[in-house]
PDB file of all heavy atoms in Angstrom:
ATOM      1  N   PHE A   1      -2.633  -8.737  -8.876  1.00  0.00           N
ATOM      2  CA  PHE A   1      -3.150  -7.383  -9.070  1.00  0.00           C
ATOM      3  C   PHE A   1      -1.967  -6.447  -9.303  1.00  0.00           C
ATOM      4  O   PHE A   1      -1.034  -6.405  -8.494  1.00  0.00           O
ATOM      5  CB  PHE A   1      -3.908  -6.900  -7.828  1.00  0.00           C
ATOM      6  CG  PHE A   1      -5.171  -7.641  -7.533  1.00  0.00           C
ATOM      7  CD1 PHE A   1      -5.169  -8.739  -6.672  1.00  0.00           C
ATOM      8  CD2 PHE A   1      -6.379  -7.253  -8.087  1.00  0.00           C
ATOM      9  CE1 PHE A   1      -6.340  -9.418  -6.385  1.00  0.00           C
ATOM     10  CE2 PHE A   1      -7.553  -7.928  -7.810  1.00  0.00           C
ATOM     11  CZ  PHE A   1      -7.537  -9.018  -6.957  1.00  0.00           C
ATOM     12  N   ASP A   2      -1.986  -5.691 -10.389  1.00  0.00           N
ATOM     13  CA  ASP A   2      -1.004  -4.628 -10.591  1.00  0.00           C
ATOM     14  C   ASP A   2      -1.648  -3.346 -10.102  1.00  0.00           C
ATOM     15  O   ASP A   2      -2.683  -2.901 -10.642  1.00  0.00           O
ATOM     16  CB  ASP A   2      -0.605  -4.525 -12.060  1.00  0.00           C
ATOM     17  CG  ASP A   2       0.246  -5.709 -12.503  1.00  0.00           C
ATOM     18  OD1 ASP A   2       0.889  -6.330 -11.633  1.00  0.00           O
ATOM     19  OD2 ASP A   2       0.260  -6.021 -13.706  1.00  0.00           O
ATOM     20  N   ILE A   3      -1.045  -2.775  -9.068  1.00  0.00           N
ATOM     21  CA  ILE A   3      -1.684  -1.695  -8.311  1.00  0.00           C
ATOM     22  C   ILE A   3      -0.789  -0.463  -8.238  1.00  0.00           C
ATOM     23  O   ILE A   3       0.408  -0.563  -7.969  1.00  0.00           O
ATOM     24  CB  ILE A   3      -2.004  -2.177  -6.878  1.00  0.00           C
ATOM     25  CG1 ILE A   3      -3.052  -3.299  -6.917  1.00  0.00           C
ATOM     26  CG2 ILE A   3      -2.471  -1.031  -5.996  1.00  0.00           C
ATOM     27  CD1 ILE A   3      -3.340  -3.909  -5.561  1.00  0.00           C
ATOM     28  N   LYS A   4      -1.364   0.683  -8.483  1.00  0.00           N
ATOM     29  CA  LYS A   4      -0.722   1.958  -8.193  1.00  0.00           C
ATOM     30  C   LYS A   4      -1.177   2.371  -6.791  1.00  0.00           C
ATOM     31  O   LYS A   4      -2.339   2.185  -6.434  1.00  0.00           O
ATOM     32  CB  LYS A   4      -1.135   3.016  -9.211  1.00  0.00           C
ATOM     33  CG  LYS A   4      -0.698   2.725 -10.651  1.00  0.00           C
ATOM     34  CD  LYS A   4       0.755   3.070 -10.872  1.00  0.00           C
ATOM     35  CE  LYS A   4       1.111   3.017 -12.347  1.00  0.00           C
ATOM     36  NZ  LYS A   4       2.499   3.463 -12.607  1.00  0.00           N
ATOM     37  N   PHE A   5      -0.266   2.960  -6.019  1.00  0.00           N
ATOM     38  CA  PHE A   5      -0.639   3.344  -4.652  1.00  0.00           C
ATOM     39  C   PHE A   5      -0.039   4.695  -4.273  1.00  0.00           C
ATOM     40  O   PHE A   5       0.961   5.130  -4.849  1.00  0.00           O
ATOM     41  CB  PHE A   5      -0.237   2.259  -3.647  1.00  0.00           C
ATOM     42  CG  PHE A   5       1.241   1.920  -3.628  1.00  0.00           C
ATOM     43  CD1 PHE A   5       2.107   2.557  -2.753  1.00  0.00           C
ATOM     44  CD2 PHE A   5       1.757   0.951  -4.480  1.00  0.00           C
ATOM     45  CE1 PHE A   5       3.462   2.243  -2.724  1.00  0.00           C
ATOM     46  CE2 PHE A   5       3.108   0.622  -4.464  1.00  0.00           C
ATOM     47  CZ  PHE A   5       3.965   1.275  -3.578  1.00  0.00           C
ATOM     48  N   ARG A   6      -0.673   5.334  -3.284  1.00  0.00           N
ATOM     49  CA  ARG A   6      -0.293   6.704  -2.910  1.00  0.00           C
ATOM     50  C   ARG A   6       1.128   6.739  -2.342  1.00  0.00           C
ATOM     51  O   ARG A   6       1.977   7.507  -2.781  1.00  0.00           O
ATOM     52  CB  ARG A   6      -1.275   7.264  -1.886  1.00  0.00           C
ATOM     53  CG  ARG A   6      -0.977   8.718  -1.471  1.00  0.00           C
ATOM     54  CD  ARG A   6      -1.900   9.206  -0.366  1.00  0.00           C
ATOM     55  NE  ARG A   6      -3.286   9.212  -0.788  1.00  0.00           N
ATOM     56  CZ  ARG A   6      -4.263   8.465  -0.259  1.00  0.00           C
ATOM     57  NH1 ARG A   6      -3.979   7.607   0.711  1.00  0.00           N
ATOM     58  NH2 ARG A   6      -5.494   8.547  -0.686  1.00  0.00           N
ATOM     59  N   ASP A   7       1.387   5.933  -1.338  1.00  0.00           N
ATOM     60  CA  ASP A   7       2.710   5.828  -0.712  1.00  0.00           C
ATOM     61  C   ASP A   7       2.753   4.523   0.062  1.00  0.00           C
ATOM     62  O   ASP A   7       1.733   3.846   0.219  1.00  0.00           O
ATOM     63  CB  ASP A   7       3.012   7.035   0.197  1.00  0.00           C
ATOM     64  CG  ASP A   7       1.908   7.292   1.221  1.00  0.00           C
ATOM     65  OD1 ASP A   7       1.523   6.348   1.943  1.00  0.00           O
ATOM     66  OD2 ASP A   7       1.422   8.436   1.290  1.00  0.00           O
ATOM     67  N   ILE A   8       3.924   4.159   0.551  1.00  0.00           N
ATOM     68  CA  ILE A   8       4.085   2.846   1.167  1.00  0.00           C
ATOM     69  C   ILE A   8       3.258   2.706   2.451  1.00  0.00           C
ATOM     70  O   ILE A   8       2.739   1.623   2.753  1.00  0.00           O
ATOM     71  CB  ILE A   8       5.578   2.543   1.439  1.00  0.00           C
ATOM     72  CG1 ILE A   8       5.789   1.036   1.673  1.00  0.00           C
ATOM     73  CG2 ILE A   8       6.123   3.387   2.567  1.00  0.00           C
ATOM     74  CD1 ILE A   8       5.517   0.167   0.476  1.00  0.00           C
ATOM     75  N   ALA A   9       3.086   3.804   3.188  1.00  0.00           N
ATOM     76  CA  ALA A   9       2.272   3.746   4.401  1.00  0.00           C
ATOM     77  C   ALA A   9       0.808   3.476   4.055  1.00  0.00           C
ATOM     78  O   ALA A   9       0.135   2.670   4.716  1.00  0.00           O
ATOM     79  CB  ALA A   9       2.401   5.051   5.195  1.00  0.00           C
ATOM     80  N   SER A  10       0.312   4.134   3.014  1.00  0.00           N
ATOM     81  CA  SER A  10      -1.073   3.906   2.579  1.00  0.00           C
ATOM     82  C   SER A  10      -1.253   2.474   2.089  1.00  0.00           C
ATOM     83  O   SER A  10      -2.275   1.839   2.347  1.00  0.00           O
ATOM     84  CB  SER A  10      -1.442   4.885   1.459  1.00  0.00           C
ATOM     85  OG  SER A  10      -1.363   6.218   1.901  1.00  0.00           O
ATOM     86  N   LEU A  11      -0.257   1.953   1.346  1.00  0.00           N
ATOM     87  CA  LEU A  11      -0.329   0.575   0.871  1.00  0.00           C
ATOM     88  C   LEU A  11      -0.468  -0.378   2.047  1.00  0.00           C
ATOM     89  O   LEU A  11      -1.302  -1.297   2.025  1.00  0.00           O
ATOM     90  CB  LEU A  11       0.918   0.231   0.054  1.00  0.00           C
ATOM     91  CG  LEU A  11       0.999  -1.205  -0.484  1.00  0.00           C
ATOM     92  CD1 LEU A  11      -0.069  -1.441  -1.540  1.00  0.00           C
ATOM     93  CD2 LEU A  11       2.390  -1.499  -1.053  1.00  0.00           C
ATOM     94  N   GLN A  12       0.310  -0.186   3.071  1.00  0.00           N
ATOM     95  CA  GLN A  12       0.259  -1.062   4.241  1.00  0.00           C
ATOM     96  C   GLN A  12      -1.099  -1.001   4.943  1.00  0.00           C
ATOM     97  O   GLN A  12      -1.537  -1.980   5.548  1.00  0.00           O
ATOM     98  CB  GLN A  12       1.369  -0.696   5.229  1.00  0.00           C
ATOM     99  CG  GLN A  12       2.760  -1.066   4.730  1.00  0.00           C
ATOM    100  CD  GLN A  12       3.827  -0.763   5.760  1.00  0.00           C
ATOM    101  OE1 GLN A  12       4.154   0.396   6.016  1.00  0.00           O
ATOM    102  NE2 GLN A  12       4.360  -1.805   6.359  1.00  0.00           N
ATOM    103  N   GLN A  13      -1.751   0.148   4.823  1.00  0.00           N
ATOM    104  CA  GLN A  13      -3.073   0.310   5.439  1.00  0.00           C
ATOM    105  C   GLN A  13      -4.202  -0.154   4.524  1.00  0.00           C
ATOM    106  O   GLN A  13      -5.370  -0.148   4.924  1.00  0.00           O
ATOM    107  CB  GLN A  13      -3.294   1.780   5.815  1.00  0.00           C
ATOM    108  CG  GLN A  13      -2.336   2.309   6.862  1.00  0.00           C
ATOM    109  CD  GLN A  13      -2.364   3.825   6.974  1.00  0.00           C
ATOM    110  OE1 GLN A  13      -3.257   4.485   6.441  1.00  0.00           O
ATOM    111  NE2 GLN A  13      -1.386   4.391   7.659  1.00  0.00           N
ATOM    112  N   GLY A  14      -3.860  -0.537   3.301  1.00  0.00           N
ATOM    113  CA  GLY A  14      -4.882  -0.929   2.341  1.00  0.00           C
ATOM    114  C   GLY A  14      -5.676   0.260   1.837  1.00  0.00           C
ATOM    115  O   GLY A  14      -6.825   0.120   1.412  1.00  0.00           O
ATOM    116  N   LYS A  15      -5.056   1.439   1.815  1.00  0.00           N
ATOM    117  CA  LYS A  15      -5.733   2.662   1.384  1.00  0.00           C
ATOM    118  C   LYS A  15      -4.987   3.282   0.206  1.00  0.00           C
ATOM    119  O   LYS A  15      -3.822   2.991  -0.026  1.00  0.00           O
ATOM    120  CB  LYS A  15      -5.796   3.667   2.537  1.00  0.00           C
ATOM    121  CG  LYS A  15      -6.581   3.177   3.750  1.00  0.00           C
ATOM    122  CD  LYS A  15      -6.551   4.215   4.862  1.00  0.00           C
ATOM    123  CE  LYS A  15      -7.341   3.736   6.078  1.00  0.00           C
ATOM    124  NZ  LYS A  15      -7.303   4.718   7.194  1.00  0.00           N
ATOM    125  N   GLY A  16      -5.678   4.160  -0.536  1.00  0.00           N
ATOM    126  CA  GLY A  16      -5.045   4.849  -1.653  1.00  0.00           C
ATOM    127  C   GLY A  16      -4.570   3.891  -2.723  1.00  0.00           C
ATOM    128  O   GLY A  16      -3.440   4.023  -3.218  1.00  0.00           O
ATOM    129  N   LEU A  17      -5.428   2.928  -3.111  1.00  0.00           N
ATOM    130  CA  LEU A  17      -5.064   1.913  -4.100  1.00  0.00           C
ATOM    131  C   LEU A  17      -5.816   2.146  -5.410  1.00  0.00           C
ATOM    132  O   LEU A  17      -6.978   2.533  -5.404  1.00  0.00           O
ATOM    133  CB  LEU A  17      -5.400   0.511  -3.577  1.00  0.00           C
ATOM    134  CG  LEU A  17      -4.889   0.127  -2.182  1.00  0.00           C
ATOM    135  CD1 LEU A  17      -5.332  -1.293  -1.848  1.00  0.00           C
ATOM    136  CD2 LEU A  17      -3.376   0.259  -2.101  1.00  0.00           C
ATOM    137  N   CYS A  18      -5.144   1.871  -6.517  1.00  0.00           N
ATOM    138  CA  CYS A  18      -5.765   1.978  -7.839  1.00  0.00           C
ATOM    139  C   CYS A  18      -5.284   0.802  -8.683  1.00  0.00           C
ATOM    140  O   CYS A  18      -4.093   0.712  -9.017  1.00  0.00           O
ATOM    141  CB  CYS A  18      -5.388   3.303  -8.499  1.00  0.00           C
ATOM    142  SG  CYS A  18      -6.109   3.527 -10.153  1.00  0.00           S
ATOM    143  N   ILE A  19      -6.183  -0.109  -9.017  1.00  0.00           N
ATOM    144  CA  ILE A  19      -5.830  -1.304  -9.787  1.00  0.00           C
ATOM    145  C   ILE A  19      -5.785  -0.956 -11.279  1.00  0.00           C
ATOM    146  O   ILE A  19      -6.741  -0.420 -11.827  1.00  0.00           O
ATOM    147  CB  ILE A  19      -6.858  -2.424  -9.550  1.00  0.00           C
ATOM    148  CG1 ILE A  19      -6.838  -2.842  -8.073  1.00  0.00           C
ATOM    149  CG2 ILE A  19      -6.582  -3.632 -10.444  1.00  0.00           C
ATOM    150  CD1 ILE A  19      -7.977  -3.774  -7.687  1.00  0.00           C
ATOM    151  N   VAL A  20      -4.669  -1.281 -11.929  1.00  0.00           N
ATOM    152  CA  VAL A  20      -4.543  -1.009 -13.361  1.00  0.00           C
ATOM    153  C   VAL A  20      -4.645  -2.285 -14.199  1.00  0.00           C
ATOM    154  O   VAL A  20      -4.968  -2.228 -15.386  1.00  0.00           O
ATOM    155  CB  VAL A  20      -3.236  -0.253 -13.677  1.00  0.00           C
ATOM    156  CG1 VAL A  20      -3.282   1.139 -13.072  1.00  0.00           C
ATOM    157  CG2 VAL A  20      -2.007  -1.010 -13.185  1.00  0.00           C
ATOM    158  N   GLU A  21      -4.351  -3.450 -13.593  1.00  0.00           N
ATOM    159  CA  GLU A  21      -4.520  -4.717 -14.295  1.00  0.00           C
ATOM    160  C   GLU A  21      -4.781  -5.842 -13.291  1.00  0.00           C
ATOM    161  O   GLU A  21      -4.332  -5.778 -12.147  1.00  0.00           O
ATOM    162  CB  GLU A  21      -3.295  -5.073 -15.153  1.00  0.00           C
ATOM    163  CG  GLU A  21      -3.206  -4.298 -16.447  1.00  0.00           C
ATOM    164  CD  GLU A  21      -2.323  -4.980 -17.490  1.00  0.00           C
ATOM    165  OE1 GLU A  21      -2.063  -6.190 -17.359  1.00  0.00           O
ATOM    166  OE2 GLU A  21      -1.914  -4.281 -18.433  1.00  0.00           O
ATOM    167  N   ILE A  22      -5.497  -6.866 -13.763  1.00  0.00           N
ATOM    168  CA  ILE A  22      -5.720  -8.080 -12.985  1.00  0.00           C
ATOM    169  C   ILE A  22      -5.302  -9.244 -13.871  1.00  0.00           C
ATOM    170  O   ILE A  22      -5.842  -9.441 -14.953  1.00  0.00           O
ATOM    171  CB  ILE A  22      -7.192  -8.235 -12.565  1.00  0.00           C
ATOM    172  CG1 ILE A  22      -7.655  -7.000 -11.780  1.00  0.00           C
ATOM    173  CG2 ILE A  22      -7.391  -9.505 -11.729  1.00  0.00           C
ATOM    174  CD1 ILE A  22      -9.149  -6.975 -11.512  1.00  0.00           C
ATOM    175  N   ASN A  23      -4.306 -10.000 -13.415  1.00  0.00           N
ATOM    176  CA  ASN A  23      -3.734 -11.078 -14.214  1.00  0.00           C
ATOM    177  C   ASN A  23      -4.091 -12.430 -13.610  1.00  0.00           C
ATOM    178  O   ASN A  23      -4.109 -12.589 -12.390  1.00  0.00           O
ATOM    179  CB  ASN A  23      -2.216 -10.923 -14.269  1.00  0.00           C
ATOM    180  CG  ASN A  23      -1.793  -9.554 -14.766  1.00  0.00           C
ATOM    181  OD1 ASN A  23      -1.754  -9.311 -15.954  1.00  0.00           O
ATOM    182  ND2 ASN A  23      -1.508  -8.641 -13.844  1.00  0.00           N
ATOM    183  N   GLY A  24      -4.340 -13.404 -14.471  1.00  0.00           N
ATOM    184  CA  GLY A  24      -4.816 -14.700 -14.015  1.00  0.00           C
ATOM    185  C   GLY A  24      -3.739 -15.747 -13.808  1.00  0.00           C
ATOM    186  O   GLY A  24      -2.639 -15.466 -13.326  1.00  0.00           O
ATOM    187  N   ALA A  25      -4.042 -16.977 -14.233  1.00  0.00           N
ATOM    188  CA  ALA A  25      -3.260 -18.147 -13.856  1.00  0.00           C
ATOM    189  C   ALA A  25      -1.829 -18.142 -14.375  1.00  0.00           C
ATOM    190  O   ALA A  25      -0.960 -18.779 -13.785  1.00  0.00           O
ATOM    191  CB  ALA A  25      -3.975 -19.415 -14.327  1.00  0.00           C
ATOM    192  N   SER A  26      -1.545 -17.444 -15.459  1.00  0.00           N
ATOM    193  CA  SER A  26      -0.183 -17.475 -15.999  1.00  0.00           C
ATOM    194  C   SER A  26       0.688 -16.344 -15.465  1.00  0.00           C
ATOM    195  O   SER A  26       1.848 -16.215 -15.856  1.00  0.00           O
ATOM    196  CB  SER A  26      -0.212 -17.391 -17.528  1.00  0.00           C
ATOM    197  OG  SER A  26      -0.760 -16.152 -17.951  1.00  0.00           O
ATOM    198  N   SER A  27       0.159 -15.537 -14.567  1.00  0.00           N
ATOM    199  CA  SER A  27       0.934 -14.397 -14.064  1.00  0.00           C
ATOM    200  C   SER A  27       2.040 -14.862 -13.115  1.00  0.00           C
ATOM    201  O   SER A  27       1.975 -15.943 -12.523  1.00  0.00           O
ATOM    202  CB  SER A  27       0.018 -13.393 -13.371  1.00  0.00           C
ATOM    203  OG  SER A  27      -0.754 -14.012 -12.369  1.00  0.00           O
ATOM    204  N   GLU A  28       3.043 -14.002 -12.971  1.00  0.00           N
ATOM    205  CA  GLU A  28       4.202 -14.322 -12.145  1.00  0.00           C
ATOM    206  C   GLU A  28       4.206 -13.473 -10.875  1.00  0.00           C
ATOM    207  O   GLU A  28       3.801 -12.312 -10.899  1.00  0.00           O
ATOM    208  CB  GLU A  28       5.499 -14.030 -12.906  1.00  0.00           C
ATOM    209  CG  GLU A  28       5.631 -14.741 -14.229  1.00  0.00           C
ATOM    210  CD  GLU A  28       6.760 -14.187 -15.078  1.00  0.00           C
ATOM    211  OE1 GLU A  28       7.383 -13.176 -14.667  1.00  0.00           O
ATOM    212  OE2 GLU A  28       7.021 -14.760 -16.142  1.00  0.00           O
ATOM    213  N   PRO A  29       4.701 -14.018  -9.767  1.00  0.00           N
ATOM    214  CA  PRO A  29       4.955 -13.183  -8.588  1.00  0.00           C
ATOM    215  C   PRO A  29       6.103 -12.237  -8.920  1.00  0.00           C
ATOM    216  O   PRO A  29       7.201 -12.686  -9.262  1.00  0.00           O
ATOM    217  CB  PRO A  29       5.356 -14.196  -7.502  1.00  0.00           C
ATOM    218  CG  PRO A  29       4.980 -15.539  -8.036  1.00  0.00           C
ATOM    219  CD  PRO A  29       5.046 -15.430  -9.525  1.00  0.00           C
TER     220      PRO A  29
END
């Protein structure tokens, strides 16, 4: 998941997330 997020604290809480892309089997970590 390529995700935009509000700030690092919100990311850790699983809040303030906005997905811009979802990549499948050929995607890289």
